[in-house]
Amino acid sequence: MTQNFTQLDLISYLYGEANPEQIRRTEDALAGDPVIGDDLEELTMAQAALPRVRFNAPRRLLRSLLDYSGRKQPVCC
């Protein structure tokens, strides 16, 4: 059976969003097709070039959301 991979498939794999079956198929394809490996390498370099951004909500908004949800403390990563 021929498996075609798109950039979206490789991006899901790269970002850890693929399910176990997708991971297995992608890794099998990577082992058997150097072009797919080159594509993944390009995507990995593009990901590394993206600026790191942190978004912080204003404290007032965070407090309102926490009050509404009934939580007293934010859940931290």
PDB file of N, CA and C in Angstrom:
ATOM      1  N   MET A   1       0.839  -1.171   0.000  1.00  0.00           N
ATOM      2  CA  MET A   1       0.000   0.000   0.000  1.00  0.00           C
ATOM      3  C   MET A   1       0.886   1.237   0.000  1.00  0.00           C
ATOM      4  N   THR A   2       0.603   2.184  -0.878  1.00  0.00           N
ATOM      5  CA  THR A   2       1.383   3.414  -0.967  1.00  0.00           C
ATOM      6  C   THR A   2       0.811   4.447  -0.012  1.00  0.00           C
ATOM      7  N   GLN A   3       1.672   5.048   0.772  1.00  0.00           N
ATOM      8  CA  GLN A   3       1.260   6.093   1.710  1.00  0.00           C
ATOM      9  C   GLN A   3       1.803   7.422   1.224  1.00  0.00           C
ATOM     10  N   ASN A   4       0.940   8.379   1.017  1.00  0.00           N
ATOM     11  CA  ASN A   4       1.368   9.719   0.647  1.00  0.00           C
ATOM     12  C   ASN A   4       1.341  10.602   1.881  1.00  0.00           C
ATOM     13  N   PHE A   5       2.397  11.362   2.068  1.00  0.00           N
ATOM     14  CA  PHE A   5       2.485  12.254   3.208  1.00  0.00           C
ATOM     15  C   PHE A   5       2.419  13.690   2.727  1.00  0.00           C
ATOM     16  N   THR A   6       1.713  14.486   3.451  1.00  0.00           N
ATOM     17  CA  THR A   6       1.657  15.908   3.153  1.00  0.00           C
ATOM     18  C   THR A   6       2.485  16.649   4.195  1.00  0.00           C
ATOM     19  N   GLN A   7       2.706  17.914   3.952  1.00  0.00           N
ATOM     20  CA  GLN A   7       3.401  18.714   4.958  1.00  0.00           C
ATOM     21  C   GLN A   7       2.608  18.740   6.251  1.00  0.00           C
ATOM     22  N   LEU A   8       1.284  18.708   6.148  1.00  0.00           N
ATOM     23  CA  LEU A   8       0.451  18.704   7.350  1.00  0.00           C
ATOM     24  C   LEU A   8       0.712  17.460   8.194  1.00  0.00           C
ATOM     25  N   ASP A   9       0.879  16.308   7.562  1.00  0.00           N
ATOM     26  CA  ASP A   9       1.202  15.071   8.292  1.00  0.00           C
ATOM     27  C   ASP A   9       2.536  15.212   9.020  1.00  0.00           C
ATOM     28  N   LEU A  10       3.510  15.762   8.315  1.00  0.00           N
ATOM     29  CA  LEU A  10       4.830  15.916   8.922  1.00  0.00           C
ATOM     30  C   LEU A  10       4.818  16.963  10.033  1.00  0.00           C
ATOM     31  N   ILE A  11       4.029  18.013   9.870  1.00  0.00           N
ATOM     32  CA  ILE A  11       3.917  19.030  10.922  1.00  0.00           C
ATOM     33  C   ILE A  11       3.281  18.431  12.167  1.00  0.00           C
ATOM     34  N   SER A  12       2.243  17.624  11.989  1.00  0.00           N
ATOM     35  CA  SER A  12       1.617  16.948  13.135  1.00  0.00           C
ATOM     36  C   SER A  12       2.633  16.080  13.865  1.00  0.00           C
ATOM     37  N   TYR A  13       3.450  15.381  13.102  1.00  0.00           N
ATOM     38  CA  TYR A  13       4.506  14.538  13.680  1.00  0.00           C
ATOM     39  C   TYR A  13       5.526  15.399  14.418  1.00  0.00           C
ATOM     40  N   LEU A  14       5.949  16.475  13.781  1.00  0.00           N
ATOM     41  CA  LEU A  14       6.971  17.354  14.355  1.00  0.00           C
ATOM     42  C   LEU A  14       6.510  17.977  15.663  1.00  0.00           C
ATOM     43  N   TYR A  15       5.267  18.391  15.731  1.00  0.00           N
ATOM     44  CA  TYR A  15       4.743  19.060  16.925  1.00  0.00           C
ATOM     45  C   TYR A  15       4.181  18.080  17.962  1.00  0.00           C
ATOM     46  N   GLY A  16       4.314  16.788  17.721  1.00  0.00           N
ATOM     47  CA  GLY A  16       3.845  15.797  18.691  1.00  0.00           C
ATOM     48  C   GLY A  16       2.334  15.683  18.749  1.00  0.00           C
ATOM     49  N   GLU A  17       1.657  16.001  17.651  1.00  0.00           N
ATOM     50  CA  GLU A  17       0.207  15.954  17.624  1.00  0.00           C
ATOM     51  C   GLU A  17      -0.328  14.721  16.898  1.00  0.00           C
ATOM     52  N   ALA A  18       0.552  13.893  16.382  1.00  0.00           N
ATOM     53  CA  ALA A  18       0.131  12.685  15.666  1.00  0.00           C
ATOM     54  C   ALA A  18      -0.230  11.592  16.666  1.00  0.00           C
ATOM     55  N   ASN A  19      -1.195  10.776  16.278  1.00  0.00           N
ATOM     56  CA  ASN A  19      -1.550   9.640  17.144  1.00  0.00           C
ATOM     57  C   ASN A  19      -0.523   8.524  16.938  1.00  0.00           C
ATOM     58  N   PRO A  20      -0.537   7.494  17.795  1.00  0.00           N
ATOM     59  CA  PRO A  20       0.475   6.435  17.693  1.00  0.00           C
ATOM     60  C   PRO A  20       0.548   5.762  16.320  1.00  0.00           C
ATOM     61  N   GLU A  21      -0.594   5.547  15.671  1.00  0.00           N
ATOM     62  CA  GLU A  21      -0.586   4.924  14.349  1.00  0.00           C
ATOM     63  C   GLU A  21       0.050   5.855  13.318  1.00  0.00           C
ATOM     64  N   GLN A  22      -0.248   7.135  13.376  1.00  0.00           N
ATOM     65  CA  GLN A  22       0.360   8.103  12.464  1.00  0.00           C
ATOM     66  C   GLN A  22       1.869   8.184  12.689  1.00  0.00           C
ATOM     67  N   ILE A  23       2.271   8.131  13.940  1.00  0.00           N
ATOM     68  CA  ILE A  23       3.703   8.164  14.264  1.00  0.00           C
ATOM     69  C   ILE A  23       4.398   6.957  13.645  1.00  0.00           C
ATOM     70  N   ARG A  24       3.815   5.773  13.816  1.00  0.00           N
ATOM     71  CA  ARG A  24       4.414   4.555  13.266  1.00  0.00           C
ATOM     72  C   ARG A  24       4.535   4.644  11.748  1.00  0.00           C
ATOM     73  N   ARG A  25       3.464   5.069  11.076  1.00  0.00           N
ATOM     74  CA  ARG A  25       3.496   5.175   9.617  1.00  0.00           C
ATOM     75  C   ARG A  25       4.512   6.215   9.152  1.00  0.00           C
ATOM     76  N   THR A  26       4.562   7.326   9.863  1.00  0.00           N
ATOM     77  CA  THR A  26       5.512   8.379   9.490  1.00  0.00           C
ATOM     78  C   THR A  26       6.941   7.893   9.671  1.00  0.00           C
ATOM     79  N   GLU A  27       7.226   7.241  10.787  1.00  0.00           N
ATOM     80  CA  GLU A  27       8.581   6.747  11.019  1.00  0.00           C
ATOM     81  C   GLU A  27       8.962   5.666  10.018  1.00  0.00           C
ATOM     82  N   ASP A  28       8.011   4.821   9.635  1.00  0.00           N
ATOM     83  CA  ASP A  28       8.284   3.828   8.593  1.00  0.00           C
ATOM     84  C   ASP A  28       8.610   4.522   7.269  1.00  0.00           C
ATOM     85  N   ALA A  29       7.838   5.542   6.946  1.00  0.00           N
ATOM     86  CA  ALA A  29       8.074   6.284   5.698  1.00  0.00           C
ATOM     87  C   ALA A  29       9.413   7.015   5.740  1.00  0.00           C
ATOM     88  N   LEU A  30       9.750   7.582   6.885  1.00  0.00           N
ATOM     89  CA  LEU A  30      11.034   8.273   7.032  1.00  0.00           C
ATOM     90  C   LEU A  30      12.197   7.302   6.820  1.00  0.00           C
ATOM     91  N   ALA A  31      12.034   6.086   7.308  1.00  0.00           N
ATOM     92  CA  ALA A  31      13.092   5.086   7.161  1.00  0.00           C
ATOM     93  C   ALA A  31      13.234   4.627   5.713  1.00  0.00           C
ATOM     94  N   GLY A  32      12.139   4.702   4.954  1.00  0.00           N
ATOM     95  CA  GLY A  32      12.180   4.175   3.604  1.00  0.00           C
ATOM     96  C   GLY A  32      12.292   5.203   2.493  1.00  0.00           C
ATOM     97  N   ASP A  33      12.153   6.488   2.822  1.00  0.00           N
ATOM     98  CA  ASP A  33      12.152   7.502   1.767  1.00  0.00           C
ATOM     99  C   ASP A  33      12.942   8.725   2.208  1.00  0.00           C
ATOM    100  N   PRO A  34      14.131   8.911   1.659  1.00  0.00           N
ATOM    101  CA  PRO A  34      14.960  10.046   2.075  1.00  0.00           C
ATOM    102  C   PRO A  34      14.347  11.403   1.736  1.00  0.00           C
ATOM    103  N   VAL A  35      13.462  11.458   0.747  1.00  0.00           N
ATOM    104  CA  VAL A  35      12.810  12.733   0.399  1.00  0.00           C
ATOM    105  C   VAL A  35      11.917  13.200   1.542  1.00  0.00           C
ATOM    106  N   ILE A  36      11.216  12.258   2.158  1.00  0.00           N
ATOM    107  CA  ILE A  36      10.368  12.610   3.304  1.00  0.00           C
ATOM    108  C   ILE A  36      11.247  13.088   4.458  1.00  0.00           C
ATOM    109  N   GLY A  37      12.395  12.463   4.639  1.00  0.00           N
ATOM    110  CA  GLY A  37      13.336  12.908   5.666  1.00  0.00           C
ATOM    111  C   GLY A  37      13.835  14.316   5.393  1.00  0.00           C
ATOM    112  N   ASP A  38      14.104  14.625   4.125  1.00  0.00           N
ATOM    113  CA  ASP A  38      14.532  15.986   3.761  1.00  0.00           C
ATOM    114  C   ASP A  38      13.425  16.992   4.051  1.00  0.00           C
ATOM    115  N   ASP A  39      12.185  16.605   3.732  1.00  0.00           N
ATOM    116  CA  ASP A  39      11.052  17.495   4.007  1.00  0.00           C
ATOM    117  C   ASP A  39      10.913  17.760   5.503  1.00  0.00           C
ATOM    118  N   LEU A  40      11.071  16.710   6.314  1.00  0.00           N
ATOM    119  CA  LEU A  40      10.976  16.868   7.758  1.00  0.00           C
ATOM    120  C   LEU A  40      12.108  17.753   8.274  1.00  0.00           C
ATOM    121  N   GLU A  41      13.297  17.591   7.719  1.00  0.00           N
ATOM    122  CA  GLU A  41      14.430  18.426   8.133  1.00  0.00           C
ATOM    123  C   GLU A  41      14.153  19.894   7.818  1.00  0.00           C
ATOM    124  N   GLU A  42      13.592  20.173   6.658  1.00  0.00           N
ATOM    125  CA  GLU A  42      13.247  21.555   6.299  1.00  0.00           C
ATOM    126  C   GLU A  42      12.223  22.132   7.260  1.00  0.00           C
ATOM    127  N   LEU A  43      11.206  21.339   7.582  1.00  0.00           N
ATOM    128  CA  LEU A  43      10.186  21.804   8.520  1.00  0.00           C
ATOM    129  C   LEU A  43      10.773  22.026   9.910  1.00  0.00           C
ATOM    130  N   THR A  44      11.691  21.169  10.325  1.00  0.00           N
ATOM    131  CA  THR A  44      12.333  21.320  11.631  1.00  0.00           C
ATOM    132  C   THR A  44      13.146  22.603  11.685  1.00  0.00           C
ATOM    133  N   MET A  45      13.855  22.912  10.608  1.00  0.00           N
ATOM    134  CA  MET A  45      14.633  24.160  10.565  1.00  0.00           C
ATOM    135  C   MET A  45      13.701  25.369  10.555  1.00  0.00           C
ATOM    136  N   ALA A  46      12.591  25.274   9.847  1.00  0.00           N
ATOM    137  CA  ALA A  46      11.629  26.377   9.829  1.00  0.00           C
ATOM    138  C   ALA A  46      11.040  26.593  11.216  1.00  0.00           C
ATOM    139  N   GLN A  47      10.736  25.507  11.910  1.00  0.00           N
ATOM    140  CA  GLN A  47      10.203  25.616  13.276  1.00  0.00           C
ATOM    141  C   GLN A  47      11.217  26.290  14.189  1.00  0.00           C
ATOM    142  N   ALA A  48      12.480  25.914  14.062  1.00  0.00           N
ATOM    143  CA  ALA A  48      13.529  26.487  14.911  1.00  0.00           C
ATOM    144  C   ALA A  48      13.720  27.978  14.633  1.00  0.00           C
ATOM    145  N   ALA A  49      13.415  28.407  13.409  1.00  0.00           N
ATOM    146  CA  ALA A  49      13.591  29.810  13.040  1.00  0.00           C
ATOM    147  C   ALA A  49      12.444  30.697  13.527  1.00  0.00           C
ATOM    148  N   LEU A  50      11.336  30.086  13.938  1.00  0.00           N
ATOM    149  CA  LEU A  50      10.212  30.891  14.407  1.00  0.00           C
ATOM    150  C   LEU A  50      10.566  31.566  15.728  1.00  0.00           C
ATOM    151  N   PRO A  51      10.149  32.810  15.903  1.00  0.00           N
ATOM    152  CA  PRO A  51      10.423  33.480  17.181  1.00  0.00           C
ATOM    153  C   PRO A  51       9.599  32.834  18.295  1.00  0.00           C
ATOM    154  N   ARG A  52      10.159  32.820  19.470  1.00  0.00           N
ATOM    155  CA  ARG A  52       9.454  32.294  20.640  1.00  0.00           C
ATOM    156  C   ARG A  52       8.583  33.413  21.196  1.00  0.00           C
ATOM    157  N   VAL A  53       7.301  33.132  21.308  1.00  0.00           N
ATOM    158  CA  VAL A  53       6.358  34.144  21.755  1.00  0.00           C
ATOM    159  C   VAL A  53       5.636  33.640  22.995  1.00  0.00           C
ATOM    160  N   ARG A  54       5.509  34.516  23.955  1.00  0.00           N
ATOM    161  CA  ARG A  54       4.713  34.205  25.144  1.00  0.00           C
ATOM    162  C   ARG A  54       3.584  35.208  25.207  1.00  0.00           C
ATOM    163  N   PHE A  55       2.421  34.723  25.429  1.00  0.00           N
ATOM    164  CA  PHE A  55       1.270  35.595  25.567  1.00  0.00           C
ATOM    165  C   PHE A  55       0.862  35.601  27.031  1.00  0.00           C
ATOM    166  N   ASN A  56       0.733  36.775  27.586  1.00  0.00           N
ATOM    167  CA  ASN A  56       0.327  36.917  28.976  1.00  0.00           C
ATOM    168  C   ASN A  56      -0.951  37.738  29.036  1.00  0.00           C
ATOM    169  N   ALA A  57      -1.968  37.154  29.631  1.00  0.00           N
ATOM    170  CA  ALA A  57      -3.224  37.873  29.802  1.00  0.00           C
ATOM    171  C   ALA A  57      -3.063  38.912  30.906  1.00  0.00           C
ATOM    172  N   PRO A  58      -3.754  40.033  30.788  1.00  0.00           N
ATOM    173  CA  PRO A  58      -3.729  41.010  31.883  1.00  0.00           C
ATOM    174  C   PRO A  58      -4.237  40.361  33.169  1.00  0.00           C
ATOM    175  N   ARG A  59      -3.641  40.743  34.290  1.00  0.00           N
ATOM    176  CA  ARG A  59      -4.010  40.131  35.577  1.00  0.00           C
ATOM    177  C   ARG A  59      -5.506  40.273  35.865  1.00  0.00           C
ATOM    178  N   ARG A  60      -6.080  41.409  35.516  1.00  0.00           N
ATOM    179  CA  ARG A  60      -7.500  41.632  35.777  1.00  0.00           C
ATOM    180  C   ARG A  60      -8.356  40.598  35.032  1.00  0.00           C
ATOM    181  N   LEU A  61      -8.007  40.323  33.788  1.00  0.00           N
ATOM    182  CA  LEU A  61      -8.746  39.334  33.011  1.00  0.00           C
ATOM    183  C   LEU A  61      -8.569  37.938  33.608  1.00  0.00           C
ATOM    184  N   LEU A  62      -7.336  37.595  33.966  1.00  0.00           N
ATOM    185  CA  LEU A  62      -7.071  36.293  34.571  1.00  0.00           C
ATOM    186  C   LEU A  62      -7.852  36.128  35.862  1.00  0.00           C
ATOM    187  N   ARG A  63      -7.859  37.156  36.707  1.00  0.00           N
ATOM    188  CA  ARG A  63      -8.601  37.093  37.979  1.00  0.00           C
ATOM    189  C   ARG A  63     -10.090  36.909  37.706  1.00  0.00           C
ATOM    190  N   SER A  64     -10.635  37.614  36.724  1.00  0.00           N
ATOM    191  CA  SER A  64     -12.061  37.472  36.386  1.00  0.00           C
ATOM    192  C   SER A  64     -12.377  36.049  35.935  1.00  0.00           C
ATOM    193  N   LEU A  65     -11.522  35.489  35.102  1.00  0.00           N
ATOM    194  CA  LEU A  65     -11.735  34.117  34.644  1.00  0.00           C
ATOM    195  C   LEU A  65     -11.649  33.116  35.784  1.00  0.00           C
ATOM    196  N   LEU A  66     -10.677  33.315  36.659  1.00  0.00           N
ATOM    197  CA  LEU A  66     -10.526  32.405  37.796  1.00  0.00           C
ATOM    198  C   LEU A  66     -11.721  32.517  38.728  1.00  0.00           C
ATOM    199  N   ASP A  67     -12.181  33.737  38.982  1.00  0.00           N
ATOM    200  CA  ASP A  67     -13.352  33.928  39.836  1.00  0.00           C
ATOM    201  C   ASP A  67     -14.579  33.261  39.230  1.00  0.00           C
ATOM    202  N   TYR A  68     -14.746  33.424  37.928  1.00  0.00           N
ATOM    203  CA  TYR A  68     -15.891  32.832  37.245  1.00  0.00           C
ATOM    204  C   TYR A  68     -15.848  31.304  37.312  1.00  0.00           C
ATOM    205  N   SER A  69     -14.655  30.737  37.194  1.00  0.00           N
ATOM    206  CA  SER A  69     -14.523  29.276  37.183  1.00  0.00           C
ATOM    207  C   SER A  69     -14.558  28.681  38.585  1.00  0.00           C
ATOM    208  N   GLY A  70     -14.418  29.526  39.609  1.00  0.00           N
ATOM    209  CA  GLY A  70     -14.409  29.011  40.970  1.00  0.00           C
ATOM    210  C   GLY A  70     -13.039  28.637  41.477  1.00  0.00           C
ATOM    211  N   ARG A  71     -12.010  28.766  40.650  1.00  0.00           N
ATOM    212  CA  ARG A  71     -10.640  28.483  41.076  1.00  0.00           C
ATOM    213  C   ARG A  71     -10.077  29.677  41.831  1.00  0.00           C
ATOM    214  N   LYS A  72      -9.182  29.383  42.727  1.00  0.00           N
ATOM    215  CA  LYS A  72      -8.522  30.440  43.473  1.00  0.00           C
ATOM    216  C   LYS A  72      -7.113  30.716  42.984  1.00  0.00           C
ATOM    217  N   GLN A  73      -6.461  29.723  42.387  1.00  0.00           N
ATOM    218  CA  GLN A  73      -5.098  29.866  41.903  1.00  0.00           C
ATOM    219  C   GLN A  73      -5.025  29.435  40.445  1.00  0.00           C
ATOM    220  N   PRO A  74      -4.210  30.115  39.652  1.00  0.00           N
ATOM    221  CA  PRO A  74      -4.043  29.661  38.276  1.00  0.00           C
ATOM    222  C   PRO A  74      -3.290  28.338  38.217  1.00  0.00           C
ATOM    223  N   VAL A  75      -3.584  27.559  37.219  1.00  0.00           N
ATOM    224  CA  VAL A  75      -2.860  26.305  36.975  1.00  0.00           C
ATOM    225  C   VAL A  75      -1.689  26.646  36.088  1.00  0.00           C
ATOM    226  N   CYS A  76      -0.522  26.354  36.560  1.00  0.00           N
ATOM    227  CA  CYS A  76       0.682  26.707  35.802  1.00  0.00           C
ATOM    228  C   CYS A  76       1.177  25.524  35.000  1.00  0.00           C
ATOM    229  N   CYS A  77       1.844  25.769  33.919  1.00  0.00           N
ATOM    230  CA  CYS A  77       2.386  24.759  33.022  1.00  0.00           C
ATOM    231  C   CYS A  77       3.411  23.964  33.717  1.00  0.00           C
TER     232      CYS A  77
END
